[in-house]
PDB file of N, CA and C in Angstrom:
ATOM      1  N   MET A   1     -77.480  48.762 -28.118  1.00  0.00           N
ATOM      2  CA  MET A   1     -76.885  50.061 -27.916  1.00  0.00           C
ATOM      3  C   MET A   1     -75.380  49.889 -27.759  1.00  0.00           C
ATOM      4  N   HIS A   2     -74.607  50.702 -28.435  1.00  0.00           N
ATOM      5  CA  HIS A   2     -73.156  50.583 -28.442  1.00  0.00           C
ATOM      6  C   HIS A   2     -72.553  51.841 -27.821  1.00  0.00           C
ATOM      7  N   HIS A   3     -71.785  51.670 -26.738  1.00  0.00           N
ATOM      8  CA  HIS A   3     -71.174  52.815 -26.061  1.00  0.00           C
ATOM      9  C   HIS A   3     -69.756  53.001 -26.567  1.00  0.00           C
ATOM     10  N   VAL A   4     -69.402  54.231 -26.822  1.00  0.00           N
ATOM     11  CA  VAL A   4     -68.051  54.557 -27.271  1.00  0.00           C
ATOM     12  C   VAL A   4     -67.381  55.368 -26.174  1.00  0.00           C
ATOM     13  N   ILE A   5     -66.224  54.904 -25.740  1.00  0.00           N
ATOM     14  CA  ILE A   5     -65.462  55.617 -24.721  1.00  0.00           C
ATOM     15  C   ILE A   5     -64.500  56.557 -25.433  1.00  0.00           C
ATOM     16  N   PRO A   6     -64.515  57.836 -25.071  1.00  0.00           N
ATOM     17  CA  PRO A   6     -63.573  58.759 -25.701  1.00  0.00           C
ATOM     18  C   PRO A   6     -62.137  58.295 -25.477  1.00  0.00           C
ATOM     19  N   ARG A   7     -61.292  58.558 -26.454  1.00  0.00           N
ATOM     20  CA  ARG A   7     -59.903  58.098 -26.400  1.00  0.00           C
ATOM     21  C   ARG A   7     -59.183  58.633 -25.163  1.00  0.00           C
ATOM     22  N   SER A   8     -59.404  59.891 -24.818  1.00  0.00           N
ATOM     23  CA  SER A   8     -58.738  60.472 -23.648  1.00  0.00           C
ATOM     24  C   SER A   8     -59.150  59.750 -22.364  1.00  0.00           C
ATOM     25  N   ALA A   9     -60.406  59.348 -22.268  1.00  0.00           N
ATOM     26  CA  ALA A   9     -60.872  58.617 -21.088  1.00  0.00           C
ATOM     27  C   ALA A   9     -60.237  57.234 -21.028  1.00  0.00           C
ATOM     28  N   ALA A  10     -60.106  56.587 -22.173  1.00  0.00           N
ATOM     29  CA  ALA A  10     -59.481  55.263 -22.216  1.00  0.00           C
ATOM     30  C   ALA A  10     -58.021  55.342 -21.794  1.00  0.00           C
ATOM     31  N   ILE A  11     -57.318  56.386 -22.240  1.00  0.00           N
ATOM     32  CA  ILE A  11     -55.908  56.560 -21.871  1.00  0.00           C
ATOM     33  C   ILE A  11     -55.795  56.826 -20.371  1.00  0.00           C
ATOM     34  N   ALA A  12     -56.669  57.667 -19.845  1.00  0.00           N
ATOM     35  CA  ALA A  12     -56.653  57.956 -18.413  1.00  0.00           C
ATOM     36  C   ALA A  12     -56.933  56.697 -17.597  1.00  0.00           C
ATOM     37  N   LEU A  13     -57.888  55.896 -18.046  1.00  0.00           N
ATOM     38  CA  LEU A  13     -58.215  54.653 -17.351  1.00  0.00           C
ATOM     39  C   LEU A  13     -57.030  53.698 -17.369  1.00  0.00           C
ATOM     40  N   ALA A  14     -56.389  53.553 -18.512  1.00  0.00           N
ATOM     41  CA  ALA A  14     -55.227  52.668 -18.618  1.00  0.00           C
ATOM     42  C   ALA A  14     -54.105  53.151 -17.708  1.00  0.00           C
ATOM     43  N   GLY A  15     -53.884  54.455 -17.681  1.00  0.00           N
ATOM     44  CA  GLY A  15     -52.852  55.004 -16.802  1.00  0.00           C
ATOM     45  C   GLY A  15     -53.162  54.745 -15.345  1.00  0.00           C
ATOM     46  N   GLY A  16     -54.431  54.891 -14.977  1.00  0.00           N
ATOM     47  CA  GLY A  16     -54.829  54.629 -13.601  1.00  0.00           C
ATOM     48  C   GLY A  16     -54.634  53.180 -13.208  1.00  0.00           C
ATOM     49  N   LEU A  17     -54.905  52.276 -14.122  1.00  0.00           N
ATOM     50  CA  LEU A  17     -54.725  50.847 -13.845  1.00  0.00           C
ATOM     51  C   LEU A  17     -53.260  50.495 -13.644  1.00  0.00           C
ATOM     52  N   MET A  18     -52.366  51.193 -14.331  1.00  0.00           N
ATOM     53  CA  MET A  18     -50.932  50.928 -14.158  1.00  0.00           C
ATOM     54  C   MET A  18     -50.495  51.235 -12.733  1.00  0.00           C
ATOM     55  N   PHE A  19     -51.113  52.251 -12.114  1.00  0.00           N
ATOM     56  CA  PHE A  19     -50.736  52.617 -10.758  1.00  0.00           C
ATOM     57  C   PHE A  19     -51.500  51.815  -9.716  1.00  0.00           C
ATOM     58  N   ALA A  20     -52.589  51.206 -10.077  1.00  0.00           N
ATOM     59  CA  ALA A  20     -53.404  50.454  -9.124  1.00  0.00           C
ATOM     60  C   ALA A  20     -52.698  49.186  -8.662  1.00  0.00           C
ATOM     61  N   ALA A  21     -51.976  48.515  -9.542  1.00  0.00           N
ATOM     62  CA  ALA A  21     -51.307  47.263  -9.167  1.00  0.00           C
ATOM     63  C   ALA A  21     -50.281  47.475  -8.064  1.00  0.00           C
ATOM     64  N   PRO A  22     -49.359  48.461  -8.176  1.00  0.00           N
ATOM     65  CA  PRO A  22     -48.417  48.659  -7.073  1.00  0.00           C
ATOM     66  C   PRO A  22     -49.114  49.035  -5.771  1.00  0.00           C
ATOM     67  N   LEU A  23     -50.189  49.818  -5.845  1.00  0.00           N
ATOM     68  CA  LEU A  23     -50.909  50.176  -4.632  1.00  0.00           C
ATOM     69  C   LEU A  23     -51.538  48.950  -3.999  1.00  0.00           C
ATOM     70  N   ALA A  24     -52.079  48.071  -4.792  1.00  0.00           N
ATOM     71  CA  ALA A  24     -52.672  46.847  -4.254  1.00  0.00           C
ATOM     72  C   ALA A  24     -51.610  46.000  -3.576  1.00  0.00           C
ATOM     73  N   LEU A  25     -50.429  45.912  -4.176  1.00  0.00           N
ATOM     74  CA  LEU A  25     -49.352  45.139  -3.575  1.00  0.00           C
ATOM     75  C   LEU A  25     -48.904  45.753  -2.257  1.00  0.00           C
ATOM     76  N   ALA A  26     -48.840  47.079  -2.189  1.00  0.00           N
ATOM     77  CA  ALA A  26     -48.411  47.747  -0.966  1.00  0.00           C
ATOM     78  C   ALA A  26     -49.445  47.601   0.140  1.00  0.00           C
ATOM     79  N   ASN A  27     -50.675  47.277  -0.201  1.00  0.00           N
ATOM     80  CA  ASN A  27     -51.738  47.179   0.783  1.00  0.00           C
ATOM     81  C   ASN A  27     -52.177  45.745   1.019  1.00  0.00           C
ATOM     82  N   ASP A  28     -51.285  44.793   0.828  1.00  0.00           N
ATOM     83  CA  ASP A  28     -51.683  43.403   1.012  1.00  0.00           C
ATOM     84  C   ASP A  28     -51.514  42.931   2.452  1.00  0.00           C
ATOM     85  N   TYR A  29     -51.084  43.798   3.365  1.00  0.00           N
ATOM     86  CA  TYR A  29     -50.990  43.434   4.771  1.00  0.00           C
ATOM     87  C   TYR A  29     -52.386  43.562   5.385  1.00  0.00           C
ATOM     88  N   PRO A  30     -52.813  42.570   6.167  1.00  0.00           N
ATOM     89  CA  PRO A  30     -54.111  42.697   6.838  1.00  0.00           C
ATOM     90  C   PRO A  30     -54.105  43.884   7.807  1.00  0.00           C
ATOM     91  N   THR A  31     -55.251  44.485   7.982  1.00  0.00           N
ATOM     92  CA  THR A  31     -55.372  45.629   8.887  1.00  0.00           C
ATOM     93  C   THR A  31     -54.912  45.258  10.289  1.00  0.00           C
ATOM     94  N   SER A  32     -55.270  44.079  10.759  1.00  0.00           N
ATOM     95  CA  SER A  32     -54.894  43.673  12.121  1.00  0.00           C
ATOM     96  C   SER A  32     -53.377  43.600  12.281  1.00  0.00           C
ATOM     97  N   THR A  33     -52.663  43.189  11.254  1.00  0.00           N
ATOM     98  CA  THR A  33     -51.201  43.141  11.305  1.00  0.00           C
ATOM     99  C   THR A  33     -50.634  44.547  11.394  1.00  0.00           C
ATOM    100  N   ARG A  34     -51.187  45.453  10.599  1.00  0.00           N
ATOM    101  CA  ARG A  34     -50.727  46.847  10.642  1.00  0.00           C
ATOM    102  C   ARG A  34     -50.995  47.458  12.023  1.00  0.00           C
ATOM    103  N   VAL A  35     -52.172  47.188  12.581  1.00  0.00           N
ATOM    104  CA  VAL A  35     -52.508  47.728  13.899  1.00  0.00           C
ATOM    105  C   VAL A  35     -51.575  47.152  14.958  1.00  0.00           C
ATOM    106  N   ASP A  36     -51.319  45.846  14.932  1.00  0.00           N
ATOM    107  CA  ASP A  36     -50.387  45.227  15.887  1.00  0.00           C
ATOM    108  C   ASP A  36     -49.022  45.894  15.817  1.00  0.00           C
ATOM    109  N   TYR A  37     -48.530  46.136  14.597  1.00  0.00           N
ATOM    110  CA  TYR A  37     -47.225  46.777  14.434  1.00  0.00           C
ATOM    111  C   TYR A  37     -47.247  48.182  15.043  1.00  0.00           C
ATOM    112  N   VAL A  38     -48.289  48.952  14.723  1.00  0.00           N
ATOM    113  CA  VAL A  38     -48.375  50.333  15.220  1.00  0.00           C
ATOM    114  C   VAL A  38     -48.452  50.345  16.746  1.00  0.00           C
ATOM    115  N   LEU A  39     -49.237  49.446  17.337  1.00  0.00           N
ATOM    116  CA  LEU A  39     -49.338  49.399  18.797  1.00  0.00           C
ATOM    117  C   LEU A  39     -47.993  49.064  19.439  1.00  0.00           C
ATOM    118  N   GLY A  40     -47.279  48.094  18.878  1.00  0.00           N
ATOM    119  CA  GLY A  40     -45.957  47.751  19.400  1.00  0.00           C
ATOM    120  C   GLY A  40     -44.970  48.891  19.239  1.00  0.00           C
ATOM    121  N   CYS A  41     -45.024  49.540  18.096  1.00  0.00           N
ATOM    122  CA  CYS A  41     -44.156  50.681  17.823  1.00  0.00           C
ATOM    123  C   CYS A  41     -44.438  51.814  18.804  1.00  0.00           C
ATOM    124  N   MET A  42     -45.719  52.078  19.055  1.00  0.00           N
ATOM    125  CA  MET A  42     -46.083  53.139  19.995  1.00  0.00           C
ATOM    126  C   MET A  42     -45.679  52.781  21.421  1.00  0.00           C
ATOM    127  N   ALA A  43     -45.759  51.515  21.785  1.00  0.00           N
ATOM    128  CA  ALA A  43     -45.333  51.096  23.120  1.00  0.00           C
ATOM    129  C   ALA A  43     -43.844  51.376  23.312  1.00  0.00           C
ATOM    130  N   ALA A  44     -43.083  51.246  22.235  1.00  0.00           N
ATOM    131  CA  ALA A  44     -41.637  51.469  22.311  1.00  0.00           C
ATOM    132  C   ALA A  44     -41.247  52.938  22.165  1.00  0.00           C
ATOM    133  N   ASN A  45     -42.087  53.736  21.488  1.00  0.00           N
ATOM    134  CA  ASN A  45     -41.675  55.098  21.131  1.00  0.00           C
ATOM    135  C   ASN A  45     -42.520  56.212  21.731  1.00  0.00           C
ATOM    136  N   GLY A  46     -43.636  55.892  22.342  1.00  0.00           N
ATOM    137  CA  GLY A  46     -44.468  56.926  22.949  1.00  0.00           C
ATOM    138  C   GLY A  46     -45.920  56.798  22.536  1.00  0.00           C
ATOM    139  N   GLN A  47     -46.773  57.274  23.409  1.00  0.00           N
ATOM    140  CA  GLN A  47     -48.218  57.133  23.215  1.00  0.00           C
ATOM    141  C   GLN A  47     -48.839  58.486  22.871  1.00  0.00           C
ATOM    142  N   ASN A  48     -48.500  59.016  21.705  1.00  0.00           N
ATOM    143  CA  ASN A  48     -49.108  60.277  21.291  1.00  0.00           C
ATOM    144  C   ASN A  48     -49.406  60.244  19.795  1.00  0.00           C
ATOM    145  N   HIS A  49     -50.111  61.266  19.337  1.00  0.00           N
ATOM    146  CA  HIS A  49     -50.581  61.293  17.949  1.00  0.00           C
ATOM    147  C   HIS A  49     -49.424  61.313  16.949  1.00  0.00           C
ATOM    148  N   LEU A  50     -48.386  62.081  17.226  1.00  0.00           N
ATOM    149  CA  LEU A  50     -47.242  62.147  16.311  1.00  0.00           C
ATOM    150  C   LEU A  50     -46.588  60.777  16.157  1.00  0.00           C
ATOM    151  N   VAL A  51     -46.388  60.088  17.263  1.00  0.00           N
ATOM    152  CA  VAL A  51     -45.780  58.753  17.211  1.00  0.00           C
ATOM    153  C   VAL A  51     -46.688  57.789  16.460  1.00  0.00           C
ATOM    154  N   MET A  52     -48.007  57.906  16.654  1.00  0.00           N
ATOM    155  CA  MET A  52     -48.933  57.041  15.908  1.00  0.00           C
ATOM    156  C   MET A  52     -48.763  57.253  14.403  1.00  0.00           C
ATOM    157  N   GLN A  53     -48.653  58.509  13.975  1.00  0.00           N
ATOM    158  CA  GLN A  53     -48.454  58.790  12.554  1.00  0.00           C
ATOM    159  C   GLN A  53     -47.122  58.223  12.066  1.00  0.00           C
ATOM    160  N   GLN A  54     -46.079  58.383  12.864  1.00  0.00           N
ATOM    161  CA  GLN A  54     -44.763  57.869  12.477  1.00  0.00           C
ATOM    162  C   GLN A  54     -44.769  56.345  12.396  1.00  0.00           C
ATOM    163  N   CYS A  55     -45.409  55.703  13.349  1.00  0.00           N
ATOM    164  CA  CYS A  55     -45.475  54.238  13.345  1.00  0.00           C
ATOM    165  C   CYS A  55     -46.325  53.727  12.182  1.00  0.00           C
ATOM    166  N   SER A  56     -47.405  54.422  11.869  1.00  0.00           N
ATOM    167  CA  SER A  56     -48.234  54.052  10.714  1.00  0.00           C
ATOM    168  C   SER A  56     -47.440  54.187   9.425  1.00  0.00           C
ATOM    169  N   CYS A  57     -46.685  55.260   9.314  1.00  0.00           N
ATOM    170  CA  CYS A  57     -45.814  55.461   8.157  1.00  0.00           C
ATOM    171  C   CYS A  57     -44.802  54.317   8.064  1.00  0.00           C
ATOM    172  N   SER A  58     -44.250  53.937   9.204  1.00  0.00           N
ATOM    173  CA  SER A  58     -43.226  52.891   9.244  1.00  0.00           C
ATOM    174  C   SER A  58     -43.741  51.566   8.678  1.00  0.00           C
ATOM    175  N   ILE A  59     -44.920  51.127   9.100  1.00  0.00           N
ATOM    176  CA  ILE A  59     -45.444  49.857   8.581  1.00  0.00           C
ATOM    177  C   ILE A  59     -45.813  49.986   7.115  1.00  0.00           C
ATOM    178  N   ASP A  60     -46.220  51.176   6.685  1.00  0.00           N
ATOM    179  CA  ASP A  60     -46.501  51.376   5.261  1.00  0.00           C
ATOM    180  C   ASP A  60     -45.236  51.212   4.429  1.00  0.00           C
ATOM    181  N   VAL A  61     -44.120  51.751   4.917  1.00  0.00           N
ATOM    182  CA  VAL A  61     -42.841  51.614   4.205  1.00  0.00           C
ATOM    183  C   VAL A  61     -42.414  50.148   4.184  1.00  0.00           C
ATOM    184  N   ILE A  62     -42.519  49.484   5.315  1.00  0.00           N
ATOM    185  CA  ILE A  62     -42.161  48.063   5.379  1.00  0.00           C
ATOM    186  C   ILE A  62     -43.016  47.263   4.397  1.00  0.00           C
ATOM    187  N   ALA A  63     -44.304  47.580   4.321  1.00  0.00           N
ATOM    188  CA  ALA A  63     -45.204  46.879   3.394  1.00  0.00           C
ATOM    189  C   ALA A  63     -44.816  47.123   1.942  1.00  0.00           C
ATOM    190  N   GLU A  64     -44.239  48.280   1.652  1.00  0.00           N
ATOM    191  CA  GLU A  64     -43.750  48.553   0.294  1.00  0.00           C
ATOM    192  C   GLU A  64     -42.534  47.697  -0.039  1.00  0.00           C
ATOM    193  N   LEU A  65     -41.720  47.416   0.974  1.00  0.00           N
ATOM    194  CA  LEU A  65     -40.425  46.778   0.745  1.00  0.00           C
ATOM    195  C   LEU A  65     -40.429  45.266   0.916  1.00  0.00           C
ATOM    196  N   ILE A  66     -41.345  44.744   1.721  1.00  0.00           N
ATOM    197  CA  ILE A  66     -41.341  43.312   2.044  1.00  0.00           C
ATOM    198  C   ILE A  66     -42.739  42.738   1.824  1.00  0.00           C
ATOM    199  N   PRO A  67     -42.867  41.663   1.056  1.00  0.00           N
ATOM    200  CA  PRO A  67     -44.175  41.013   0.885  1.00  0.00           C
ATOM    201  C   PRO A  67     -44.696  40.493   2.230  1.00  0.00           C
ATOM    202  N   TYR A  68     -46.006  40.439   2.363  1.00  0.00           N
ATOM    203  CA  TYR A  68     -46.618  40.039   3.625  1.00  0.00           C
ATOM    204  C   TYR A  68     -46.173  38.646   4.072  1.00  0.00           C
ATOM    205  N   GLU A  69     -46.070  37.705   3.154  1.00  0.00           N
ATOM    206  CA  GLU A  69     -45.675  36.339   3.521  1.00  0.00           C
ATOM    207  C   GLU A  69     -44.294  36.340   4.181  1.00  0.00           C
ATOM    208  N   GLU A  70     -43.398  37.165   3.670  1.00  0.00           N
ATOM    209  CA  GLU A  70     -42.059  37.255   4.256  1.00  0.00           C
ATOM    210  C   GLU A  70     -42.125  37.930   5.625  1.00  0.00           C
ATOM    211  N   TYR A  71     -42.973  38.935   5.754  1.00  0.00           N
ATOM    212  CA  TYR A  71     -43.151  39.613   7.040  1.00  0.00           C
ATOM    213  C   TYR A  71     -43.633  38.613   8.094  1.00  0.00           C
ATOM    214  N   GLU A  72     -44.602  37.773   7.722  1.00  0.00           N
ATOM    215  CA  GLU A  72     -45.101  36.739   8.642  1.00  0.00           C
ATOM    216  C   GLU A  72     -43.975  35.814   9.087  1.00  0.00           C
ATOM    217  N   SER A  73     -43.151  35.410   8.139  1.00  0.00           N
ATOM    218  CA  SER A  73     -42.028  34.528   8.441  1.00  0.00           C
ATOM    219  C   SER A  73     -41.061  35.199   9.410  1.00  0.00           C
ATOM    220  N   VAL A  74     -40.781  36.467   9.181  1.00  0.00           N
ATOM    221  CA  VAL A  74     -39.861  37.207  10.055  1.00  0.00           C
ATOM    222  C   VAL A  74     -40.447  37.345  11.455  1.00  0.00           C
ATOM    223  N   GLU A  75     -41.743  37.598  11.560  1.00  0.00           N
ATOM    224  CA  GLU A  75     -42.384  37.668  12.879  1.00  0.00           C
ATOM    225  C   GLU A  75     -42.184  36.358  13.640  1.00  0.00           C
ATOM    226  N   THR A  76     -42.336  35.244  12.942  1.00  0.00           N
ATOM    227  CA  THR A  76     -42.136  33.933  13.562  1.00  0.00           C
ATOM    228  C   THR A  76     -40.694  33.773  14.013  1.00  0.00           C
ATOM    229  N   VAL A  77     -39.749  34.141  13.162  1.00  0.00           N
ATOM    230  CA  VAL A  77     -38.323  34.032  13.510  1.00  0.00           C
ATOM    231  C   VAL A  77     -38.028  34.867  14.752  1.00  0.00           C
ATOM    232  N   MET A  78     -38.550  36.082  14.809  1.00  0.00           N
ATOM    233  CA  MET A  78     -38.280  36.944  15.970  1.00  0.00           C
ATOM    234  C   MET A  78     -38.848  36.342  17.251  1.00  0.00           C
ATOM    235  N   ARG A  79     -40.051  35.755  17.172  1.00  0.00           N
ATOM    236  CA  ARG A  79     -40.630  35.109  18.358  1.00  0.00           C
ATOM    237  C   ARG A  79     -39.814  33.880  18.759  1.00  0.00           C
ATOM    238  N   MET A  80     -39.392  33.103  17.779  1.00  0.00           N
ATOM    239  CA  MET A  80     -38.695  31.849  18.069  1.00  0.00           C
ATOM    240  C   MET A  80     -37.244  32.068  18.486  1.00  0.00           C
ATOM    241  N   ASN A  81     -36.653  33.196  18.131  1.00  0.00           N
ATOM    242  CA  ASN A  81     -35.279  33.489  18.547  1.00  0.00           C
ATOM    243  C   ASN A  81     -35.147  33.501  20.065  1.00  0.00           C
ATOM    244  N   ASP A  82     -36.226  33.797  20.768  1.00  0.00           N
ATOM    245  CA  ASP A  82     -36.202  33.863  22.227  1.00  0.00           C
ATOM    246  C   ASP A  82     -36.439  32.509  22.890  1.00  0.00           C
ATOM    247  N   GLN A  83     -36.762  31.487  22.106  1.00  0.00           N
ATOM    248  CA  GLN A  83     -37.024  30.159  22.657  1.00  0.00           C
ATOM    249  C   GLN A  83     -35.724  29.499  23.119  1.00  0.00           C
ATOM    250  N   ARG A  84     -35.835  28.747  24.183  1.00  0.00           N
ATOM    251  CA  ARG A  84     -34.686  27.970  24.666  1.00  0.00           C
ATOM    252  C   ARG A  84     -34.653  26.620  23.967  1.00  0.00           C
ATOM    253  N   GLY A  85     -33.533  25.956  24.065  1.00  0.00           N
ATOM    254  CA  GLY A  85     -33.413  24.600  23.562  1.00  0.00           C
ATOM    255  C   GLY A  85     -33.149  24.516  22.071  1.00  0.00           C
ATOM    256  N   GLU A  86     -33.324  23.299  21.553  1.00  0.00           N
ATOM    257  CA  GLU A  86     -32.985  23.018  20.157  1.00  0.00           C
ATOM    258  C   GLU A  86     -33.798  23.843  19.167  1.00  0.00           C
ATOM    259  N   LEU A  87     -35.073  24.034  19.451  1.00  0.00           N
ATOM    260  CA  LEU A  87     -35.920  24.790  18.539  1.00  0.00           C
ATOM    261  C   LEU A  87     -35.421  26.230  18.409  1.00  0.00           C
ATOM    262  N   GLY A  88     -35.094  26.850  19.528  1.00  0.00           N
ATOM    263  CA  GLY A  88     -34.560  28.210  19.503  1.00  0.00           C
ATOM    264  C   GLY A  88     -33.241  28.281  18.758  1.00  0.00           C
ATOM    265  N   VAL A  89     -32.384  27.285  18.973  1.00  0.00           N
ATOM    266  CA  VAL A  89     -31.090  27.246  18.280  1.00  0.00           C
ATOM    267  C   VAL A  89     -31.307  27.147  16.778  1.00  0.00           C
ATOM    268  N   LEU A  90     -32.261  26.328  16.358  1.00  0.00           N
ATOM    269  CA  LEU A  90     -32.554  26.178  14.934  1.00  0.00           C
ATOM    270  C   LEU A  90     -32.907  27.532  14.309  1.00  0.00           C
ATOM    271  N   PHE A  91     -33.767  28.289  14.970  1.00  0.00           N
ATOM    272  CA  PHE A  91     -34.180  29.587  14.421  1.00  0.00           C
ATOM    273  C   PHE A  91     -33.052  30.612  14.478  1.00  0.00           C
ATOM    274  N   ARG A  92     -32.184  30.513  15.487  1.00  0.00           N
ATOM    275  CA  ARG A  92     -31.083  31.474  15.599  1.00  0.00           C
ATOM    276  C   ARG A  92     -29.942  31.179  14.644  1.00  0.00           C
ATOM    277  N   THR A  93     -29.832  29.950  14.179  1.00  0.00           N
ATOM    278  CA  THR A  93     -28.664  29.587  13.369  1.00  0.00           C
ATOM    279  C   THR A  93     -28.977  29.296  11.906  1.00  0.00           C
ATOM    280  N   GLU A  94     -30.240  29.124  11.543  1.00  0.00           N
ATOM    281  CA  GLU A  94     -30.597  28.817  10.153  1.00  0.00           C
ATOM    282  C   GLU A  94     -30.352  30.041   9.281  1.00  0.00           C
ATOM    283  N   ARG A  95     -29.433  29.899   8.338  1.00  0.00           N
ATOM    284  CA  ARG A  95     -28.969  31.029   7.531  1.00  0.00           C
ATOM    285  C   ARG A  95     -30.088  31.741   6.773  1.00  0.00           C
ATOM    286  N   GLY A  96     -30.971  30.999   6.138  1.00  0.00           N
ATOM    287  CA  GLY A  96     -32.054  31.610   5.369  1.00  0.00           C
ATOM    288  C   GLY A  96     -32.966  32.458   6.238  1.00  0.00           C
ATOM    289  N   LEU A  97     -33.267  31.962   7.433  1.00  0.00           N
ATOM    290  CA  LEU A  97     -34.126  32.710   8.345  1.00  0.00           C
ATOM    291  C   LEU A  97     -33.430  33.975   8.834  1.00  0.00           C
ATOM    292  N   GLN A  98     -32.143  33.855   9.108  1.00  0.00           N
ATOM    293  CA  GLN A  98     -31.391  35.027   9.561  1.00  0.00           C
ATOM    294  C   GLN A  98     -31.240  36.057   8.439  1.00  0.00           C
ATOM    295  N   ASP A  99     -31.140  35.594   7.198  1.00  0.00           N
ATOM    296  CA  ASP A  99     -31.100  36.521   6.056  1.00  0.00           C
ATOM    297  C   ASP A  99     -32.411  37.298   5.953  1.00  0.00           C
ATOM    298  N   GLN A 100     -33.538  36.608   6.153  1.00  0.00           N
ATOM    299  CA  GLN A 100     -34.839  37.287   6.144  1.00  0.00           C
ATOM    300  C   GLN A 100     -34.910  38.328   7.261  1.00  0.00           C
ATOM    301  N   LEU A 101     -34.381  37.975   8.417  1.00  0.00           N
ATOM    302  CA  LEU A 101     -34.386  38.895   9.548  1.00  0.00           C
ATOM    303  C   LEU A 101     -33.538  40.135   9.237  1.00  0.00           C
ATOM    304  N   ARG A 102     -32.388  39.935   8.606  1.00  0.00           N
ATOM    305  CA  ARG A 102     -31.539  41.074   8.215  1.00  0.00           C
ATOM    306  C   ARG A 102     -32.255  41.965   7.205  1.00  0.00           C
ATOM    307  N   GLN A 103     -32.947  41.362   6.249  1.00  0.00           N
ATOM    308  CA  GLN A 103     -33.687  42.137   5.250  1.00  0.00           C
ATOM    309  C   GLN A 103     -34.800  42.947   5.926  1.00  0.00           C
ATOM    310  N   PHE A 104     -35.474  42.340   6.892  1.00  0.00           N
ATOM    311  CA  PHE A 104     -36.519  43.057   7.622  1.00  0.00           C
ATOM    312  C   PHE A 104     -35.925  44.225   8.399  1.00  0.00           C
ATOM    313  N   ARG A 105     -34.821  43.998   9.061  1.00  0.00           N
ATOM    314  CA  ARG A 105     -34.186  45.084   9.826  1.00  0.00           C
ATOM    315  C   ARG A 105     -33.733  46.210   8.908  1.00  0.00           C
ATOM    316  N   SER A 106     -33.302  45.861   7.715  1.00  0.00           N
ATOM    317  CA  SER A 106     -32.941  46.875   6.725  1.00  0.00           C
ATOM    318  C   SER A 106     -34.176  47.685   6.320  1.00  0.00           C
ATOM    319  N   ALA A 107     -35.305  47.007   6.127  1.00  0.00           N
ATOM    320  CA  ALA A 107     -36.555  47.699   5.790  1.00  0.00           C
ATOM    321  C   ALA A 107     -36.993  48.593   6.948  1.00  0.00           C
ATOM    322  N   GLN A 108     -36.817  48.125   8.179  1.00  0.00           N
ATOM    323  CA  GLN A 108     -37.149  48.949   9.344  1.00  0.00           C
ATOM    324  C   GLN A 108     -36.266  50.192   9.401  1.00  0.00           C
ATOM    325  N   ALA A 109     -34.984  50.032   9.088  1.00  0.00           N
ATOM    326  CA  ALA A 109     -34.076  51.183   9.079  1.00  0.00           C
ATOM    327  C   ALA A 109     -34.506  52.198   8.024  1.00  0.00           C
ATOM    328  N   GLU A 110     -34.894  51.716   6.851  1.00  0.00           N
ATOM    329  CA  GLU A 110     -35.392  52.603   5.795  1.00  0.00           C
ATOM    330  C   GLU A 110     -36.660  53.311   6.264  1.00  0.00           C
ATOM    331  N   ALA A 111     -37.541  52.578   6.936  1.00  0.00           N
ATOM    332  CA  ALA A 111     -38.774  53.173   7.459  1.00  0.00           C
ATOM    333  C   ALA A 111     -38.458  54.241   8.504  1.00  0.00           C
ATOM    334  N   ASP A 112     -37.474  53.984   9.354  1.00  0.00           N
ATOM    335  CA  ASP A 112     -37.076  54.981  10.353  1.00  0.00           C
ATOM    336  C   ASP A 112     -36.573  56.255   9.685  1.00  0.00           C
ATOM    337  N   LEU A 113     -35.778  56.096   8.636  1.00  0.00           N
ATOM    338  CA  LEU A 113     -35.260  57.266   7.920  1.00  0.00           C
ATOM    339  C   LEU A 113     -36.388  58.082   7.292  1.00  0.00           C
ATOM    340  N   ARG A 114     -37.367  57.404   6.735  1.00  0.00           N
ATOM    341  CA  ARG A 114     -38.464  58.100   6.055  1.00  0.00           C
ATOM    342  C   ARG A 114     -39.501  58.678   7.011  1.00  0.00           C
ATOM    343  N   CYS A 115     -39.681  58.044   8.161  1.00  0.00           N
ATOM    344  CA  CYS A 115     -40.847  58.364   8.990  1.00  0.00           C
ATOM    345  C   CYS A 115     -40.539  59.051  10.322  1.00  0.00           C
ATOM    346  N   PHE A 116     -39.351  58.873  10.848  1.00  0.00           N
ATOM    347  CA  PHE A 116     -39.070  59.418  12.188  1.00  0.00           C
ATOM    348  C   PHE A 116     -38.103  60.582  12.138  1.00  0.00           C
TER     349      PHE A 116
END
């Protein structure tokens, strides 16, 4: 048995697939990471439904702008910036790490503009 897909359906399917790839990339952050971000954001901005929506929007924007692997790296840099001694100095002074931190802060600023 041979199935024939109508041309209009094939075009619609192809169009849908073109949009699926960017959506998959925007959703590559694990749910637990998104929840951690939202909880921290709510702790800083308020514990109500509106703030939850704004914080959820914020991590969605960040996920659009920064790949998850880079986000993980930035989280590490932010934690290590508070360390004392040589290890803390390394994280505070390494140019590449600080550039990643600046890019993350820029993404956060964009998220604030869009969501708050």
